[in-house]
């Protein structure tokens, strides 16, 4: 099992929409991850996820030690919030997910995302 900070998932949510996936126990084809429910990835979806995670790893290795990510919009303050994430912590999470994708592809497994 691999956990990724929800803050980072929301930050990269647009890229996750590119992943071919299934919901409802493989009954319904979709794209992206179900934020609140289960999503299933076959080899096609895992390959796309692995590519996206690999891209994120390449980008964030150049980040400062403390990464400031833009978060949700605060209507009361009229600006976007920001969140600080430790670079090494994030890179470790992403590498673990990348390795899980690699292992699943080699063993012809599926991946299941359980939402938040």
C-alpha atoms as a PDB file:
ATOM      1  CA  UNK A   1       0.000   0.000   0.000  1.00  0.00           C
ATOM      2  CA  UNK A   2       1.202   3.486  -0.841  1.00  0.00           C
ATOM      3  CA  UNK A   3      -0.189   6.716   0.578  1.00  0.00           C
ATOM      4  CA  UNK A   4       0.156  10.069  -1.169  1.00  0.00           C
ATOM      5  CA  UNK A   5      -0.684  13.316   0.611  1.00  0.00           C
ATOM      6  CA  UNK A   6      -4.143  14.530  -0.372  1.00  0.00           C
ATOM      7  CA  UNK A   7      -2.741  18.039  -0.777  1.00  0.00           C
ATOM      8  CA  UNK A   8      -0.464  16.795  -3.527  1.00  0.00           C
ATOM      9  CA  UNK A   9      -3.215  14.734  -5.187  1.00  0.00           C
ATOM     10  CA  UNK A  10      -5.345  17.879  -5.426  1.00  0.00           C
ATOM     11  CA  UNK A  11      -2.361  19.830  -6.760  1.00  0.00           C
ATOM     12  CA  UNK A  12      -1.846  17.323  -9.590  1.00  0.00           C
ATOM     13  CA  UNK A  13      -5.475  16.318 -10.120  1.00  0.00           C
ATOM     14  CA  UNK A  14      -5.612  17.573 -13.715  1.00  0.00           C
ATOM     15  CA  UNK A  15      -2.834  15.209 -14.799  1.00  0.00           C
ATOM     16  CA  UNK A  16      -4.518  12.291 -13.035  1.00  0.00           C
ATOM     17  CA  UNK A  17      -7.569  12.762 -15.279  1.00  0.00           C
ATOM     18  CA  UNK A  18      -5.478  11.351 -18.146  1.00  0.00           C
ATOM     19  CA  UNK A  19      -5.390   7.885 -16.579  1.00  0.00           C
ATOM     20  CA  UNK A  20      -7.709   5.314 -18.206  1.00  0.00           C
ATOM     21  CA  UNK A  21      -9.492   3.565 -15.360  1.00  0.00           C
ATOM     22  CA  UNK A  22     -12.529   1.596 -14.237  1.00  0.00           C
ATOM     23  CA  UNK A  23     -15.050   2.186 -11.488  1.00  0.00           C
ATOM     24  CA  UNK A  24     -17.888   0.109 -10.068  1.00  0.00           C
ATOM     25  CA  UNK A  25     -15.868  -3.151  -9.887  1.00  0.00           C
ATOM     26  CA  UNK A  26     -14.611  -2.939 -13.488  1.00  0.00           C
ATOM     27  CA  UNK A  27     -18.141  -2.376 -14.814  1.00  0.00           C
ATOM     28  CA  UNK A  28     -17.715   1.226 -15.923  1.00  0.00           C
ATOM     29  CA  UNK A  29     -14.828   2.605 -17.995  1.00  0.00           C
ATOM     30  CA  UNK A  30     -13.708   6.073 -16.956  1.00  0.00           C
ATOM     31  CA  UNK A  31     -10.722   8.379 -16.735  1.00  0.00           C
ATOM     32  CA  UNK A  32      -8.938   9.599 -13.639  1.00  0.00           C
ATOM     33  CA  UNK A  33      -9.336   8.589 -10.030  1.00  0.00           C
ATOM     34  CA  UNK A  34     -12.583   8.582  -8.063  1.00  0.00           C
ATOM     35  CA  UNK A  35     -11.847  11.013  -5.239  1.00  0.00           C
ATOM     36  CA  UNK A  36     -14.322   9.390  -2.829  1.00  0.00           C
ATOM     37  CA  UNK A  37     -14.578   5.804  -4.037  1.00  0.00           C
ATOM     38  CA  UNK A  38     -12.667   2.934  -5.543  1.00  0.00           C
ATOM     39  CA  UNK A  39     -10.914   3.144  -8.893  1.00  0.00           C
ATOM     40  CA  UNK A  40      -9.333   0.175 -10.644  1.00  0.00           C
ATOM     41  CA  UNK A  41      -6.348   0.377 -12.977  1.00  0.00           C
ATOM     42  CA  UNK A  42      -5.408  -2.337 -15.454  1.00  0.00           C
ATOM     43  CA  UNK A  43      -2.051  -2.428 -17.244  1.00  0.00           C
ATOM     44  CA  UNK A  44      -3.027   0.450 -19.540  1.00  0.00           C
ATOM     45  CA  UNK A  45      -3.968   2.691 -16.616  1.00  0.00           C
ATOM     46  CA  UNK A  46      -0.944   1.645 -14.574  1.00  0.00           C
ATOM     47  CA  UNK A  47       1.361   2.465 -17.493  1.00  0.00           C
ATOM     48  CA  UNK A  48      -0.104   5.971 -17.779  1.00  0.00           C
ATOM     49  CA  UNK A  49       0.042   6.495 -13.992  1.00  0.00           C
ATOM     50  CA  UNK A  50       3.664   5.337 -13.927  1.00  0.00           C
ATOM     51  CA  UNK A  51       4.514   7.813 -16.692  1.00  0.00           C
ATOM     52  CA  UNK A  52       2.823  10.680 -14.859  1.00  0.00           C
ATOM     53  CA  UNK A  53       4.540   9.804 -11.570  1.00  0.00           C
ATOM     54  CA  UNK A  54       7.873   9.548 -13.403  1.00  0.00           C
ATOM     55  CA  UNK A  55       7.302  13.040 -14.786  1.00  0.00           C
ATOM     56  CA  UNK A  56       6.487  14.386 -11.342  1.00  0.00           C
ATOM     57  CA  UNK A  57       9.660  12.789  -9.962  1.00  0.00           C
ATOM     58  CA  UNK A  58      11.715  14.513 -12.652  1.00  0.00           C
ATOM     59  CA  UNK A  59      10.104  17.902 -11.974  1.00  0.00           C
ATOM     60  CA  UNK A  60      10.144  17.849  -8.178  1.00  0.00           C
ATOM     61  CA  UNK A  61      13.758  16.716  -7.870  1.00  0.00           C
ATOM     62  CA  UNK A  62      14.616  20.324  -8.818  1.00  0.00           C
ATOM     63  CA  UNK A  63      12.354  21.817  -6.142  1.00  0.00           C
ATOM     64  CA  UNK A  64      13.670  23.531  -3.019  1.00  0.00           C
ATOM     65  CA  UNK A  65      13.889  21.583   0.248  1.00  0.00           C
ATOM     66  CA  UNK A  66      10.482  22.947   1.289  1.00  0.00           C
ATOM     67  CA  UNK A  67       8.002  23.006  -1.599  1.00  0.00           C
ATOM     68  CA  UNK A  68       5.212  25.587  -1.535  1.00  0.00           C
ATOM     69  CA  UNK A  69       2.172  24.350  -3.470  1.00  0.00           C
ATOM     70  CA  UNK A  70      -0.830  26.469  -4.378  1.00  0.00           C
ATOM     71  CA  UNK A  71      -3.932  25.030  -2.756  1.00  0.00           C
ATOM     72  CA  UNK A  72      -7.632  25.866  -2.650  1.00  0.00           C
ATOM     73  CA  UNK A  73      -9.086  29.361  -3.007  1.00  0.00           C
ATOM     74  CA  UNK A  74     -10.016  31.165   0.209  1.00  0.00           C
ATOM     75  CA  UNK A  75     -13.017  33.295  -0.697  1.00  0.00           C
ATOM     76  CA  UNK A  76     -12.930  35.134   2.651  1.00  0.00           C
ATOM     77  CA  UNK A  77      -9.341  36.315   2.099  1.00  0.00           C
ATOM     78  CA  UNK A  78      -9.645  36.645  -1.676  1.00  0.00           C
ATOM     79  CA  UNK A  79      -6.558  34.572  -2.424  1.00  0.00           C
ATOM     80  CA  UNK A  80      -5.308  31.043  -2.887  1.00  0.00           C
ATOM     81  CA  UNK A  81      -3.971  29.179   0.110  1.00  0.00           C
ATOM     82  CA  UNK A  82      -0.585  27.530  -0.037  1.00  0.00           C
ATOM     83  CA  UNK A  83       0.754  24.374   1.558  1.00  0.00           C
ATOM     84  CA  UNK A  84       4.360  23.522   2.408  1.00  0.00           C
ATOM     85  CA  UNK A  85       5.543  19.954   1.716  1.00  0.00           C
ATOM     86  CA  UNK A  86       8.964  18.541   2.510  1.00  0.00           C
ATOM     87  CA  UNK A  87      10.729  17.670  -0.752  1.00  0.00           C
ATOM     88  CA  UNK A  88      12.301  14.397   0.410  1.00  0.00           C
ATOM     89  CA  UNK A  89       9.016  13.223   1.932  1.00  0.00           C
ATOM     90  CA  UNK A  90       7.163  13.906  -1.326  1.00  0.00           C
ATOM     91  CA  UNK A  91       9.855  12.299  -3.479  1.00  0.00           C
ATOM     92  CA  UNK A  92       9.796   9.194  -1.275  1.00  0.00           C
ATOM     93  CA  UNK A  93       6.005   8.909  -1.606  1.00  0.00           C
ATOM     94  CA  UNK A  94       6.187   9.336  -5.373  1.00  0.00           C
ATOM     95  CA  UNK A  95       9.047   6.852  -5.736  1.00  0.00           C
ATOM     96  CA  UNK A  96       7.096   4.288  -3.704  1.00  0.00           C
ATOM     97  CA  UNK A  97       4.102   4.697  -6.018  1.00  0.00           C
ATOM     98  CA  UNK A  98       6.341   4.490  -9.098  1.00  0.00           C
ATOM     99  CA  UNK A  99       7.871   1.259  -7.763  1.00  0.00           C
ATOM    100  CA  UNK A 100       4.409  -0.159  -7.001  1.00  0.00           C
ATOM    101  CA  UNK A 101       3.332   0.561 -10.595  1.00  0.00           C
ATOM    102  CA  UNK A 102       6.477  -1.120 -11.899  1.00  0.00           C
ATOM    103  CA  UNK A 103       5.886  -4.196  -9.746  1.00  0.00           C
ATOM    104  CA  UNK A 104       2.196  -4.413 -10.722  1.00  0.00           C
ATOM    105  CA  UNK A 105       3.079  -4.271 -14.415  1.00  0.00           C
ATOM    106  CA  UNK A 106       5.726  -6.977 -14.094  1.00  0.00           C
ATOM    107  CA  UNK A 107       3.336  -9.286 -12.203  1.00  0.00           C
ATOM    108  CA  UNK A 108       0.282  -8.433 -14.353  1.00  0.00           C
ATOM    109  CA  UNK A 109      -1.616  -7.149 -11.284  1.00  0.00           C
ATOM    110  CA  UNK A 110      -4.248  -4.443 -11.116  1.00  0.00           C
ATOM    111  CA  UNK A 111      -4.040  -1.414  -8.821  1.00  0.00           C
ATOM    112  CA  UNK A 112      -6.911  -0.201  -6.674  1.00  0.00           C
ATOM    113  CA  UNK A 113      -7.224   3.409  -5.518  1.00  0.00           C
ATOM    114  CA  UNK A 114      -9.513   3.711  -2.497  1.00  0.00           C
ATOM    115  CA  UNK A 115     -10.133   7.472  -2.539  1.00  0.00           C
ATOM    116  CA  UNK A 116      -9.730   9.625   0.524  1.00  0.00           C
END
